[in-house]
Amino acid sequence: MPLYNYQCDGCGHHLEALQKISEPALVECPACNAQSLRKQVANAGFRLSGNGWYETDFKTGSKKNLAGEKAD
């Protein structure tokens, strides 16, 4: 489940909430009970770099090149 950041427009309180993607956004601030929570945009906790993931990245020995081998 993703971790979302929220900030209250009324009192400035910050919080993080672990929610399913399908759950509605939180609106009530737990600090001041106002209906003024706003979801913030946050950076992802990981970064994907390079050209991509390949079938051979996590394989060893004779299983390294399954896509390029022809059946005998």
N, C-alpha and C. Protein backbone atom coordinates (compact mmCIF):
# COMPACT_ATOMS: atom_id res chain seq x y z
N MET A 1 0.84 -1.18 0.00
CA MET A 1 0.00 0.00 0.00
C MET A 1 0.89 1.25 0.00
N PRO A 2 0.49 2.25 -0.74
CA PRO A 2 1.27 3.48 -0.80
C PRO A 2 1.15 4.32 0.47
N LEU A 3 2.16 5.11 0.72
CA LEU A 3 2.20 6.04 1.83
C LEU A 3 1.95 7.43 1.27
N TYR A 4 0.92 8.12 1.77
CA TYR A 4 0.57 9.45 1.28
C TYR A 4 0.87 10.50 2.33
N ASN A 5 1.29 11.68 1.89
CA ASN A 5 1.54 12.82 2.77
C ASN A 5 0.35 13.76 2.69
N TYR A 6 -0.05 14.28 3.85
CA TYR A 6 -1.15 15.24 3.93
C TYR A 6 -0.70 16.44 4.74
N GLN A 7 -1.29 17.61 4.43
CA GLN A 7 -1.07 18.81 5.22
C GLN A 7 -2.40 19.51 5.40
N CYS A 8 -2.62 20.01 6.62
CA CYS A 8 -3.84 20.75 6.92
C CYS A 8 -3.67 22.20 6.51
N ASP A 9 -4.61 22.70 5.72
CA ASP A 9 -4.57 24.11 5.32
C ASP A 9 -4.92 25.03 6.48
N GLY A 10 -5.64 24.50 7.48
CA GLY A 10 -6.05 25.32 8.62
C GLY A 10 -4.95 25.53 9.64
N CYS A 11 -4.36 24.43 10.15
CA CYS A 11 -3.37 24.56 11.22
C CYS A 11 -1.95 24.21 10.79
N GLY A 12 -1.76 23.68 9.57
CA GLY A 12 -0.43 23.36 9.08
C GLY A 12 0.10 22.00 9.51
N HIS A 13 -0.73 21.21 10.18
CA HIS A 13 -0.32 19.88 10.66
C HIS A 13 0.04 18.97 9.48
N HIS A 14 1.14 18.22 9.60
CA HIS A 14 1.57 17.26 8.59
C HIS A 14 1.32 15.86 9.10
N LEU A 15 0.92 14.94 8.21
CA LEU A 15 0.80 13.54 8.58
C LEU A 15 1.02 12.66 7.38
N GLU A 16 1.36 11.41 7.67
CA GLU A 16 1.50 10.39 6.63
C GLU A 16 0.44 9.34 6.87
N ALA A 17 -0.14 8.81 5.80
CA ALA A 17 -1.18 7.81 5.92
C ALA A 17 -0.91 6.67 4.95
N LEU A 18 -0.97 5.45 5.46
CA LEU A 18 -0.82 4.25 4.64
C LEU A 18 -2.21 3.88 4.16
N GLN A 19 -2.46 4.03 2.85
CA GLN A 19 -3.79 3.82 2.29
C GLN A 19 -3.73 3.02 1.01
N LYS A 20 -4.83 2.32 0.74
CA LYS A 20 -4.98 1.68 -0.56
C LYS A 20 -5.19 2.77 -1.61
N ILE A 21 -4.83 2.47 -2.84
CA ILE A 21 -5.03 3.43 -3.92
C ILE A 21 -6.51 3.72 -4.12
N SER A 22 -7.36 2.74 -3.90
CA SER A 22 -8.79 2.89 -4.12
C SER A 22 -9.50 3.65 -2.99
N GLU A 23 -8.84 3.88 -1.86
CA GLU A 23 -9.47 4.60 -0.74
C GLU A 23 -9.57 6.08 -1.06
N PRO A 24 -10.63 6.73 -0.59
CA PRO A 24 -10.74 8.18 -0.80
C PRO A 24 -9.71 8.93 0.04
N ALA A 25 -9.36 10.12 -0.41
CA ALA A 25 -8.39 10.94 0.30
C ALA A 25 -8.96 11.37 1.65
N LEU A 26 -8.07 11.49 2.64
CA LEU A 26 -8.50 11.96 3.95
C LEU A 26 -8.83 13.45 3.88
N VAL A 27 -9.80 13.90 4.67
CA VAL A 27 -10.17 15.31 4.66
C VAL A 27 -10.16 15.92 6.05
N GLU A 28 -10.32 15.13 7.11
CA GLU A 28 -10.39 15.67 8.46
C GLU A 28 -9.02 15.64 9.13
N CYS A 29 -8.59 16.79 9.63
CA CYS A 29 -7.30 16.92 10.30
C CYS A 29 -7.42 16.35 11.72
N PRO A 30 -6.51 15.44 12.11
CA PRO A 30 -6.59 14.88 13.47
C PRO A 30 -6.16 15.89 14.55
N ALA A 31 -5.46 16.96 14.17
CA ALA A 31 -4.99 17.95 15.15
C ALA A 31 -6.06 18.98 15.49
N CYS A 32 -6.74 19.52 14.46
CA CYS A 32 -7.72 20.59 14.72
C CYS A 32 -9.14 20.21 14.34
N ASN A 33 -9.35 19.01 13.82
CA ASN A 33 -10.66 18.48 13.42
C ASN A 33 -11.33 19.28 12.30
N ALA A 34 -10.59 20.11 11.60
CA ALA A 34 -11.13 20.85 10.46
C ALA A 34 -11.15 19.94 9.23
N GLN A 35 -12.02 20.23 8.30
CA GLN A 35 -12.14 19.47 7.05
C GLN A 35 -11.23 20.11 5.99
N SER A 36 -9.94 20.24 6.30
CA SER A 36 -9.06 20.97 5.39
C SER A 36 -7.74 20.25 5.11
N LEU A 37 -7.73 18.91 5.15
CA LEU A 37 -6.52 18.18 4.77
C LEU A 37 -6.37 18.20 3.26
N ARG A 38 -5.12 18.33 2.81
CA ARG A 38 -4.82 18.34 1.39
C ARG A 38 -3.70 17.34 1.14
N LYS A 39 -3.90 16.47 0.15
CA LYS A 39 -2.87 15.49 -0.21
C LYS A 39 -1.72 16.21 -0.91
N GLN A 40 -0.49 15.87 -0.51
CA GLN A 40 0.68 16.50 -1.09
C GLN A 40 1.35 15.56 -2.08
N VAL A 41 2.03 16.14 -3.05
CA VAL A 41 2.81 15.37 -4.00
C VAL A 41 4.14 15.04 -3.33
N ALA A 42 4.54 13.77 -3.38
CA ALA A 42 5.80 13.37 -2.74
C ALA A 42 6.63 12.56 -3.72
N ASN A 43 7.93 12.53 -3.49
CA ASN A 43 8.84 11.73 -4.30
C ASN A 43 8.66 10.26 -3.97
N ALA A 44 8.91 9.42 -4.94
CA ALA A 44 8.86 7.98 -4.71
C ALA A 44 10.01 7.56 -3.81
N GLY A 45 9.84 6.45 -3.11
CA GLY A 45 10.87 5.96 -2.21
C GLY A 45 11.97 5.20 -2.92
N PHE A 46 11.90 5.07 -4.23
CA PHE A 46 12.92 4.37 -4.99
C PHE A 46 13.05 5.02 -6.35
N ARG A 47 14.14 4.71 -7.04
CA ARG A 47 14.36 5.27 -8.36
C ARG A 47 14.77 4.14 -9.30
N LEU A 48 14.14 4.09 -10.45
CA LEU A 48 14.51 3.13 -11.48
C LEU A 48 15.42 3.84 -12.46
N SER A 49 16.58 3.26 -12.71
CA SER A 49 17.50 3.89 -13.66
C SER A 49 18.06 2.83 -14.59
N GLY A 50 18.64 3.26 -15.66
CA GLY A 50 19.20 2.32 -16.63
C GLY A 50 18.24 2.09 -17.78
N ASN A 51 18.52 1.06 -18.55
CA ASN A 51 17.73 0.78 -19.74
C ASN A 51 16.51 -0.08 -19.46
N GLY A 52 16.41 -0.67 -18.29
CA GLY A 52 15.26 -1.50 -17.97
C GLY A 52 15.68 -2.78 -17.29
N TRP A 53 14.71 -3.60 -17.00
CA TRP A 53 14.98 -4.90 -16.38
C TRP A 53 14.89 -5.96 -17.46
N TYR A 54 15.73 -6.93 -17.36
CA TYR A 54 15.80 -7.96 -18.37
C TYR A 54 15.60 -9.32 -17.74
N GLU A 55 15.24 -10.27 -18.56
CA GLU A 55 15.03 -11.64 -18.13
C GLU A 55 16.28 -12.22 -17.48
N THR A 56 17.44 -11.77 -17.91
CA THR A 56 18.70 -12.35 -17.44
C THR A 56 19.26 -11.69 -16.18
N ASP A 57 18.65 -10.64 -15.69
CA ASP A 57 19.22 -9.90 -14.57
C ASP A 57 19.41 -10.72 -13.31
N PHE A 58 18.51 -11.63 -13.01
CA PHE A 58 18.58 -12.36 -11.74
C PHE A 58 18.73 -13.86 -11.95
N LYS A 59 19.28 -14.27 -13.07
CA LYS A 59 19.44 -15.69 -13.36
C LYS A 59 20.91 -16.05 -13.40
N THR A 60 21.21 -17.30 -13.08
CA THR A 60 22.60 -17.75 -13.07
C THR A 60 22.74 -19.02 -13.88
N GLY A 61 23.95 -19.35 -14.22
CA GLY A 61 24.26 -20.62 -14.88
C GLY A 61 23.62 -20.77 -16.24
N SER A 62 23.06 -21.96 -16.49
CA SER A 62 22.51 -22.27 -17.81
C SER A 62 21.17 -21.58 -18.09
N LYS A 63 20.57 -20.95 -17.12
CA LYS A 63 19.28 -20.27 -17.30
C LYS A 63 19.45 -18.81 -17.73
N LYS A 64 20.68 -18.36 -17.98
CA LYS A 64 20.94 -16.95 -18.28
C LYS A 64 20.28 -16.43 -19.55
N ASN A 65 20.24 -17.20 -20.62
CA ASN A 65 19.77 -16.68 -21.89
C ASN A 65 18.60 -17.51 -22.42
N LEU A 66 17.46 -17.44 -21.74
CA LEU A 66 16.31 -18.24 -22.15
C LEU A 66 15.68 -17.72 -23.44
N ALA A 67 15.65 -16.43 -23.65
CA ALA A 67 15.00 -15.85 -24.82
C ALA A 67 15.79 -16.12 -26.10
N GLY A 68 17.11 -16.18 -26.01
CA GLY A 68 17.94 -16.34 -27.19
C GLY A 68 18.21 -17.78 -27.58
N GLU A 69 17.87 -18.73 -26.72
CA GLU A 69 18.14 -20.14 -27.02
C GLU A 69 17.03 -20.74 -27.88
N LYS A 70 17.41 -21.60 -28.78
CA LYS A 70 16.45 -22.32 -29.62
C LYS A 70 16.26 -23.72 -29.07
N ALA A 71 15.04 -24.21 -29.13
CA ALA A 71 14.78 -25.59 -28.67
C ALA A 71 15.38 -26.57 -29.63
N ASP A 72 15.98 -27.64 -29.11
CA ASP A 72 16.56 -28.66 -29.97
C ASP A 72 15.53 -29.66 -30.45
